[in-house]
Amino acid sequence: MANKLPISDLAPVTTYSDDGAIDPRASVVKLTEADTSAMTLADPEEGYDGHIMTIHATAAQAYTVTYTGGFGGIGTGKDVATFGGAIGDGMTIRAVDGTWFVLALFGVTLG
């Protein structure tokens, strides 16, 4: 029998159904708006090194997530994550030294 995590150990899901700012302390983010959303993401907070955030689309929309510093600290060349418009598109990022670094993309492009 597999060990199961207690419910209290599971990462809470934060749902966004409108344009706005994603809480940089969130662990699992669900984008649900039935229309295209433009989301923003601030730098990770101090003390959050190693924090992992996963952002998922649960509607077939071309969401965008803008991170002004640029993912990986690259700047404006990689500051907008554009979701391809399919349910299940998503990205996983990790906080390192006050910057978000991309770990994985699925149906998402950076530009």
N, C-alpha and C. Protein backbone atom coordinates (compact mmCIF):
# COMPACT_ATOMS: atom_id res chain seq x y z
N MET A 1 0.84 -1.17 0.00
CA MET A 1 0.00 0.00 0.00
C MET A 1 0.89 1.24 0.00
N ALA A 2 0.60 2.18 -0.88
CA ALA A 2 1.39 3.40 -0.98
C ALA A 2 1.09 4.33 0.18
N ASN A 3 2.15 5.02 0.62
CA ASN A 3 1.95 6.03 1.66
C ASN A 3 1.21 7.21 1.05
N LYS A 4 0.31 7.78 1.81
CA LYS A 4 -0.43 8.95 1.36
C LYS A 4 -0.09 10.13 2.24
N LEU A 5 0.05 11.30 1.62
CA LEU A 5 0.30 12.51 2.39
C LEU A 5 -0.98 12.91 3.12
N PRO A 6 -0.84 13.37 4.35
CA PRO A 6 -2.03 13.92 5.00
C PRO A 6 -2.50 15.16 4.24
N ILE A 7 -3.79 15.42 4.26
CA ILE A 7 -4.35 16.56 3.55
C ILE A 7 -3.62 17.84 3.92
N SER A 8 -3.20 18.01 5.16
CA SER A 8 -2.53 19.23 5.60
C SER A 8 -1.17 19.43 4.92
N ASP A 9 -0.57 18.37 4.34
CA ASP A 9 0.73 18.47 3.68
C ASP A 9 0.61 18.76 2.18
N LEU A 10 -0.60 18.74 1.65
CA LEU A 10 -0.78 19.00 0.23
C LEU A 10 -0.72 20.50 -0.03
N ALA A 11 -0.14 20.89 -1.16
CA ALA A 11 -0.05 22.30 -1.52
C ALA A 11 -1.45 22.83 -1.83
N PRO A 12 -1.83 23.95 -1.23
CA PRO A 12 -3.15 24.50 -1.55
C PRO A 12 -3.19 25.02 -2.98
N VAL A 13 -4.36 24.97 -3.57
CA VAL A 13 -4.56 25.45 -4.94
C VAL A 13 -5.15 26.85 -4.86
N THR A 14 -4.51 27.80 -5.56
CA THR A 14 -5.01 29.16 -5.63
C THR A 14 -5.62 29.35 -7.01
N THR A 15 -6.89 29.73 -7.05
CA THR A 15 -7.61 29.86 -8.31
C THR A 15 -7.75 31.32 -8.69
N TYR A 16 -7.48 31.62 -9.97
CA TYR A 16 -7.65 32.96 -10.51
C TYR A 16 -8.64 32.88 -11.66
N SER A 17 -9.71 33.67 -11.58
CA SER A 17 -10.74 33.66 -12.61
C SER A 17 -10.85 35.01 -13.31
N ASP A 18 -9.85 35.86 -13.15
CA ASP A 18 -9.84 37.17 -13.76
C ASP A 18 -8.40 37.65 -13.89
N ASP A 19 -8.17 38.70 -14.69
CA ASP A 19 -6.84 39.29 -14.80
C ASP A 19 -6.35 39.71 -13.41
N GLY A 20 -5.04 39.71 -13.22
CA GLY A 20 -4.53 40.20 -11.95
C GLY A 20 -3.14 39.68 -11.64
N ALA A 21 -2.74 39.91 -10.40
CA ALA A 21 -1.41 39.53 -9.93
C ALA A 21 -1.47 38.17 -9.23
N ILE A 22 -0.56 37.30 -9.61
CA ILE A 22 -0.44 35.99 -8.96
C ILE A 22 0.36 36.19 -7.68
N ASP A 23 -0.12 35.65 -6.60
CA ASP A 23 0.59 35.71 -5.32
C ASP A 23 1.89 34.91 -5.43
N PRO A 24 3.06 35.54 -5.27
CA PRO A 24 4.32 34.82 -5.43
C PRO A 24 4.56 33.74 -4.37
N ARG A 25 3.71 33.68 -3.35
CA ARG A 25 3.82 32.63 -2.33
C ARG A 25 2.99 31.41 -2.68
N ALA A 26 2.19 31.49 -3.73
CA ALA A 26 1.33 30.37 -4.13
C ALA A 26 2.18 29.19 -4.59
N SER A 27 1.65 27.99 -4.41
CA SER A 27 2.34 26.78 -4.86
C SER A 27 1.72 26.21 -6.12
N VAL A 28 0.41 26.10 -6.12
CA VAL A 28 -0.31 25.58 -7.27
C VAL A 28 -1.33 26.64 -7.68
N VAL A 29 -1.23 27.10 -8.94
CA VAL A 29 -2.09 28.16 -9.45
C VAL A 29 -2.95 27.58 -10.57
N LYS A 30 -4.23 27.82 -10.47
CA LYS A 30 -5.18 27.35 -11.47
C LYS A 30 -5.80 28.57 -12.15
N LEU A 31 -5.63 28.69 -13.48
CA LEU A 31 -6.22 29.77 -14.26
C LEU A 31 -7.52 29.24 -14.85
N THR A 32 -8.65 29.91 -14.52
CA THR A 32 -9.95 29.37 -14.89
C THR A 32 -10.81 30.30 -15.73
N GLU A 33 -10.34 31.53 -15.99
CA GLU A 33 -11.19 32.49 -16.69
C GLU A 33 -11.61 31.95 -18.05
N ALA A 34 -12.86 32.19 -18.41
CA ALA A 34 -13.41 31.69 -19.67
C ALA A 34 -13.01 32.57 -20.85
N ASP A 35 -12.19 33.58 -20.60
CA ASP A 35 -11.67 34.46 -21.64
C ASP A 35 -10.17 34.59 -21.38
N THR A 36 -9.45 35.11 -22.32
CA THR A 36 -8.01 35.28 -22.16
C THR A 36 -7.71 36.16 -20.95
N SER A 37 -6.76 35.75 -20.11
CA SER A 37 -6.36 36.52 -18.93
C SER A 37 -4.93 37.00 -19.09
N ALA A 38 -4.67 38.20 -18.60
CA ALA A 38 -3.31 38.74 -18.53
C ALA A 38 -2.93 38.79 -17.06
N MET A 39 -2.02 37.92 -16.67
CA MET A 39 -1.59 37.82 -15.28
C MET A 39 -0.21 38.43 -15.13
N THR A 40 0.11 38.89 -13.93
CA THR A 40 1.45 39.37 -13.63
C THR A 40 2.00 38.58 -12.46
N LEU A 41 3.33 38.55 -12.37
CA LEU A 41 4.00 37.81 -11.30
C LEU A 41 5.14 38.66 -10.78
N ALA A 42 5.16 38.87 -9.47
CA ALA A 42 6.23 39.64 -8.82
C ALA A 42 7.40 38.72 -8.48
N ASP A 43 8.54 39.33 -8.12
CA ASP A 43 9.69 38.56 -7.67
C ASP A 43 9.30 37.69 -6.48
N PRO A 44 9.94 36.55 -6.32
CA PRO A 44 9.70 35.74 -5.12
C PRO A 44 10.14 36.53 -3.88
N GLU A 45 9.45 36.29 -2.79
CA GLU A 45 9.78 36.99 -1.55
C GLU A 45 11.08 36.47 -0.95
N GLU A 46 11.73 37.32 -0.17
CA GLU A 46 12.96 36.92 0.53
C GLU A 46 12.65 35.72 1.42
N GLY A 47 13.55 34.77 1.42
CA GLY A 47 13.37 33.56 2.22
C GLY A 47 12.62 32.46 1.49
N TYR A 48 12.25 32.70 0.24
CA TYR A 48 11.50 31.71 -0.53
C TYR A 48 12.37 30.94 -1.52
N ASP A 49 13.71 31.01 -1.38
CA ASP A 49 14.58 30.24 -2.27
C ASP A 49 14.17 28.76 -2.25
N GLY A 50 14.07 28.20 -3.43
CA GLY A 50 13.68 26.80 -3.57
C GLY A 50 12.18 26.60 -3.72
N HIS A 51 11.39 27.65 -3.48
CA HIS A 51 9.93 27.54 -3.61
C HIS A 51 9.56 27.22 -5.05
N ILE A 52 8.69 26.27 -5.24
CA ILE A 52 8.24 25.86 -6.57
C ILE A 52 6.78 26.23 -6.75
N MET A 53 6.48 26.84 -7.90
CA MET A 53 5.11 27.19 -8.26
C MET A 53 4.77 26.52 -9.58
N THR A 54 3.59 25.94 -9.65
CA THR A 54 3.08 25.37 -10.89
C THR A 54 1.82 26.13 -11.27
N ILE A 55 1.74 26.56 -12.52
CA ILE A 55 0.60 27.32 -13.02
C ILE A 55 -0.05 26.50 -14.13
N HIS A 56 -1.36 26.21 -13.97
CA HIS A 56 -2.10 25.38 -14.91
C HIS A 56 -3.27 26.14 -15.52
N ALA A 57 -3.57 25.87 -16.80
CA ALA A 57 -4.78 26.38 -17.44
C ALA A 57 -5.85 25.31 -17.36
N THR A 58 -7.01 25.67 -16.82
CA THR A 58 -8.11 24.71 -16.78
C THR A 58 -9.22 25.09 -17.75
N ALA A 59 -8.95 26.09 -18.58
CA ALA A 59 -9.85 26.47 -19.68
C ALA A 59 -8.98 26.63 -20.93
N ALA A 60 -9.58 26.45 -22.08
CA ALA A 60 -8.84 26.53 -23.34
C ALA A 60 -8.71 28.00 -23.75
N GLN A 61 -7.77 28.69 -23.11
CA GLN A 61 -7.55 30.12 -23.36
C GLN A 61 -6.06 30.39 -23.47
N ALA A 62 -5.71 31.43 -24.21
CA ALA A 62 -4.31 31.83 -24.38
C ALA A 62 -3.93 32.83 -23.29
N TYR A 63 -3.77 32.34 -22.07
CA TYR A 63 -3.39 33.19 -20.94
C TYR A 63 -1.96 33.69 -21.12
N THR A 64 -1.66 34.81 -20.48
CA THR A 64 -0.27 35.27 -20.41
C THR A 64 0.09 35.53 -18.95
N VAL A 65 1.34 35.25 -18.62
CA VAL A 65 1.90 35.57 -17.31
C VAL A 65 3.14 36.41 -17.57
N THR A 66 3.13 37.66 -17.11
CA THR A 66 4.25 38.57 -17.32
C THR A 66 5.05 38.69 -16.04
N TYR A 67 6.35 38.43 -16.15
CA TYR A 67 7.30 38.57 -15.03
C TYR A 67 8.34 39.59 -15.47
N THR A 68 8.23 40.81 -14.96
CA THR A 68 9.01 41.95 -15.44
C THR A 68 10.51 41.70 -15.48
N GLY A 69 11.06 41.00 -14.51
CA GLY A 69 12.50 40.75 -14.48
C GLY A 69 12.96 39.77 -15.55
N GLY A 70 12.01 39.08 -16.14
CA GLY A 70 12.33 38.05 -17.12
C GLY A 70 12.66 36.74 -16.42
N PHE A 71 12.05 35.66 -16.87
CA PHE A 71 12.29 34.35 -16.27
C PHE A 71 13.78 34.01 -16.40
N GLY A 72 14.38 33.60 -15.32
CA GLY A 72 15.81 33.31 -15.31
C GLY A 72 16.66 34.56 -15.25
N GLY A 73 16.03 35.72 -15.01
CA GLY A 73 16.76 36.97 -14.95
C GLY A 73 17.21 37.47 -16.31
N ILE A 74 16.62 36.94 -17.37
CA ILE A 74 17.05 37.28 -18.73
C ILE A 74 16.57 38.66 -19.16
N GLY A 75 15.52 39.16 -18.59
CA GLY A 75 15.00 40.48 -18.95
C GLY A 75 13.86 40.39 -19.94
N THR A 76 13.69 41.43 -20.73
CA THR A 76 12.51 41.54 -21.58
C THR A 76 12.43 40.49 -22.69
N GLY A 77 13.48 39.80 -22.99
CA GLY A 77 13.43 38.76 -24.02
C GLY A 77 12.68 37.52 -23.59
N LYS A 78 12.54 37.31 -22.30
CA LYS A 78 11.85 36.12 -21.77
C LYS A 78 10.97 36.51 -20.59
N ASP A 79 10.19 37.58 -20.76
CA ASP A 79 9.40 38.08 -19.64
C ASP A 79 7.91 37.77 -19.73
N VAL A 80 7.45 37.18 -20.84
CA VAL A 80 6.04 36.84 -20.99
C VAL A 80 5.91 35.36 -21.33
N ALA A 81 5.17 34.64 -20.49
CA ALA A 81 4.83 33.24 -20.75
C ALA A 81 3.44 33.24 -21.38
N THR A 82 3.34 32.71 -22.61
CA THR A 82 2.06 32.67 -23.31
C THR A 82 1.59 31.24 -23.40
N PHE A 83 0.41 30.99 -22.82
CA PHE A 83 -0.18 29.66 -22.83
C PHE A 83 -0.82 29.44 -24.20
N GLY A 84 -0.68 28.23 -24.74
CA GLY A 84 -1.09 27.93 -26.11
C GLY A 84 -2.58 27.89 -26.36
N GLY A 85 -3.40 27.88 -25.34
CA GLY A 85 -4.84 27.90 -25.53
C GLY A 85 -5.52 26.55 -25.35
N ALA A 86 -4.83 25.60 -24.73
CA ALA A 86 -5.42 24.29 -24.48
C ALA A 86 -5.55 24.03 -22.99
N ILE A 87 -6.57 23.30 -22.62
CA ILE A 87 -6.71 22.87 -21.23
C ILE A 87 -5.49 22.00 -20.91
N GLY A 88 -4.86 22.26 -19.79
CA GLY A 88 -3.69 21.49 -19.38
C GLY A 88 -2.37 22.17 -19.66
N ASP A 89 -2.38 23.25 -20.44
CA ASP A 89 -1.13 24.00 -20.63
C ASP A 89 -0.64 24.46 -19.27
N GLY A 90 0.67 24.51 -19.09
CA GLY A 90 1.17 24.93 -17.79
C GLY A 90 2.66 25.13 -17.75
N MET A 91 3.10 25.61 -16.60
CA MET A 91 4.52 25.85 -16.39
C MET A 91 4.85 25.63 -14.92
N THR A 92 6.10 25.24 -14.67
CA THR A 92 6.59 25.09 -13.31
C THR A 92 7.84 25.94 -13.19
N ILE A 93 7.89 26.75 -12.12
CA ILE A 93 9.01 27.66 -11.90
C ILE A 93 9.53 27.51 -10.48
N ARG A 94 10.80 27.89 -10.28
CA ARG A 94 11.43 27.80 -8.96
C ARG A 94 12.06 29.15 -8.61
N ALA A 95 11.93 29.54 -7.35
CA ALA A 95 12.53 30.78 -6.85
C ALA A 95 13.98 30.53 -6.46
N VAL A 96 14.87 31.33 -7.05
CA VAL A 96 16.30 31.25 -6.72
C VAL A 96 16.84 32.68 -6.67
N ASP A 97 17.39 33.07 -5.53
CA ASP A 97 18.00 34.40 -5.37
C ASP A 97 17.09 35.53 -5.84
N GLY A 98 15.81 35.47 -5.52
CA GLY A 98 14.88 36.54 -5.84
C GLY A 98 14.42 36.59 -7.28
N THR A 99 14.62 35.50 -8.02
CA THR A 99 14.24 35.43 -9.43
C THR A 99 13.52 34.11 -9.69
N TRP A 100 12.55 34.14 -10.61
CA TRP A 100 11.87 32.91 -11.03
C TRP A 100 12.63 32.27 -12.18
N PHE A 101 12.95 30.98 -12.04
CA PHE A 101 13.59 30.19 -13.07
C PHE A 101 12.62 29.12 -13.55
N VAL A 102 12.56 28.89 -14.85
CA VAL A 102 11.65 27.91 -15.43
C VAL A 102 12.22 26.51 -15.26
N LEU A 103 11.40 25.62 -14.73
CA LEU A 103 11.76 24.20 -14.63
C LEU A 103 11.14 23.40 -15.77
N ALA A 104 9.90 23.76 -16.15
CA ALA A 104 9.20 23.00 -17.19
C ALA A 104 8.12 23.86 -17.83
N LEU A 105 7.91 23.62 -19.13
CA LEU A 105 6.84 24.26 -19.88
C LEU A 105 6.06 23.18 -20.62
N PHE A 106 4.73 23.31 -20.64
CA PHE A 106 3.89 22.39 -21.41
C PHE A 106 2.86 23.24 -22.14
N GLY A 107 3.03 23.40 -23.44
CA GLY A 107 2.12 24.21 -24.23
C GLY A 107 2.25 25.70 -23.94
N VAL A 108 3.40 26.11 -23.42
CA VAL A 108 3.66 27.49 -23.06
C VAL A 108 4.96 27.93 -23.73
N THR A 109 4.97 29.14 -24.29
CA THR A 109 6.20 29.68 -24.88
C THR A 109 6.61 30.94 -24.14
N LEU A 110 7.92 31.22 -24.13
CA LEU A 110 8.44 32.42 -23.52
C LEU A 110 8.87 33.40 -24.59
N GLY A 111 8.58 34.65 -24.35
CA GLY A 111 9.01 35.67 -25.29
C GLY A 111 9.02 37.03 -24.66
